[in-house]
Protein backbone atom coordinates (compact mmCIF):
# COMPACT_ATOMS: atom_id res chain seq x y z
CA MET A 1 98.78 97.32 107.92
CA PRO A 2 98.80 93.49 107.79
CA ALA A 3 101.88 91.50 108.76
CA LEU A 4 104.15 90.30 105.96
CA ASN A 5 104.17 86.58 105.30
CA SER A 6 107.43 84.67 104.91
CA SER A 7 107.48 84.88 101.11
CA GLN A 8 106.90 88.65 101.25
CA LYS A 9 109.75 89.01 103.75
CA ALA A 10 112.05 86.92 101.52
CA GLU A 11 111.11 89.06 98.52
CA LEU A 12 111.87 92.22 100.52
CA PHE A 13 115.36 90.91 101.39
CA GLN A 14 115.99 90.01 97.73
CA ASP A 15 114.86 93.43 96.51
CA ILE A 16 117.15 95.17 98.98
CA ALA A 17 120.10 92.94 98.06
CA ARG A 18 119.54 93.48 94.31
CA SER A 19 119.27 97.25 94.65
CA GLY A 20 122.88 97.62 95.78
CA VAL A 21 121.77 100.69 97.73
CA ASP A 22 121.87 100.66 101.50
CA ILE A 23 118.39 102.07 101.97
CA ALA A 24 118.02 100.18 105.24
CA ALA A 25 120.66 102.36 106.89
CA SER A 26 118.55 105.51 106.72
CA LYS A 27 114.93 104.42 106.20
CA LEU A 28 112.68 105.04 109.18
CA LEU A 29 109.46 103.13 109.81
CA THR A 30 106.35 104.11 111.71
CA THR A 31 105.21 101.93 114.59
CA GLN A 32 102.58 100.36 112.32
CA GLN A 33 105.10 99.61 109.55
CA ALA A 34 107.66 98.12 111.95
CA ALA A 35 105.00 96.01 113.65
CA ALA A 36 103.75 94.66 110.30
CA LEU A 37 107.29 93.79 109.21
CA LEU A 38 107.99 91.96 112.47
CA GLY A 39 104.60 90.29 112.73
CA LEU A 40 103.82 92.06 116.01
CA SER A 41 101.03 94.36 117.06
CA PRO A 42 101.78 98.09 117.20
CA HIS A 43 100.68 97.97 120.84
CA THR A 44 103.45 95.44 121.63
CA LEU A 45 106.13 97.74 120.22
CA GLU A 46 104.73 100.74 122.10
CA ARG A 47 104.35 98.86 125.39
CA ARG A 48 107.86 97.36 125.24
CA ARG A 49 109.36 100.76 124.37
CA CYS A 50 107.62 102.41 127.34
CA MET A 51 108.68 99.59 129.67
CA LYS A 52 112.34 100.21 128.71
CA ASN A 53 112.47 96.70 127.23
CA PRO A 54 112.22 97.49 123.53
CA VAL A 55 111.88 94.94 120.77
CA LEU A 56 113.57 97.55 118.55
CA PRO A 57 115.46 100.68 119.54
CA ALA A 58 113.26 103.70 118.84
CA VAL A 59 114.29 106.96 117.23
CA VAL A 60 112.33 109.96 118.52
CA ILE A 61 112.17 112.95 116.20
CA ALA A 62 110.29 115.84 117.78
CA SER A 63 107.41 113.88 119.32
CA ARG A 64 107.26 111.19 116.62
CA VAL A 65 108.53 107.68 117.28
CA ARG A 66 110.22 105.86 114.41
CA TYR A 67 112.20 102.64 114.01
CA ARG A 68 115.18 102.03 111.72
CA LEU A 69 114.50 99.59 108.89
CA SER A 70 118.04 98.24 109.33
CA ASP A 71 117.28 97.31 112.96
CA ALA A 72 114.03 95.57 111.97
CA LEU A 73 115.72 93.65 109.16
CA ALA A 74 118.52 92.56 111.50
CA LEU A 75 115.92 90.98 113.81
CA LEU A 76 114.43 89.08 110.88
CA GLN A 77 117.70 87.65 109.60
CA PRO A 78 118.48 84.10 110.67
CA GLU A 79 121.45 83.79 113.03
CA GLY A 80 124.73 83.78 111.14
CA SER A 81 123.13 84.94 107.89
CA THR A 82 124.49 87.95 106.04
CA HIS A 83 122.55 89.88 103.43
CA ALA A 84 124.13 92.55 101.25
């Protein structure tokens, strides 16, 4: 999955804000999806998680690793910015 460019990220924030639904609170991403959103390689997320120095906190369900969309979006927001 290719990384999102800045206009795609901005469009994602606008779509979430317009929806009025807090989908980010419960949506879980795969390692590949989270990496694409953050512009990182999946290997970087995996390596940092295993080194106990995560880029994002991981949620482990059974043996599957997932990342919260809300956590990923929080990393992408500029400091001091608030999105609905």
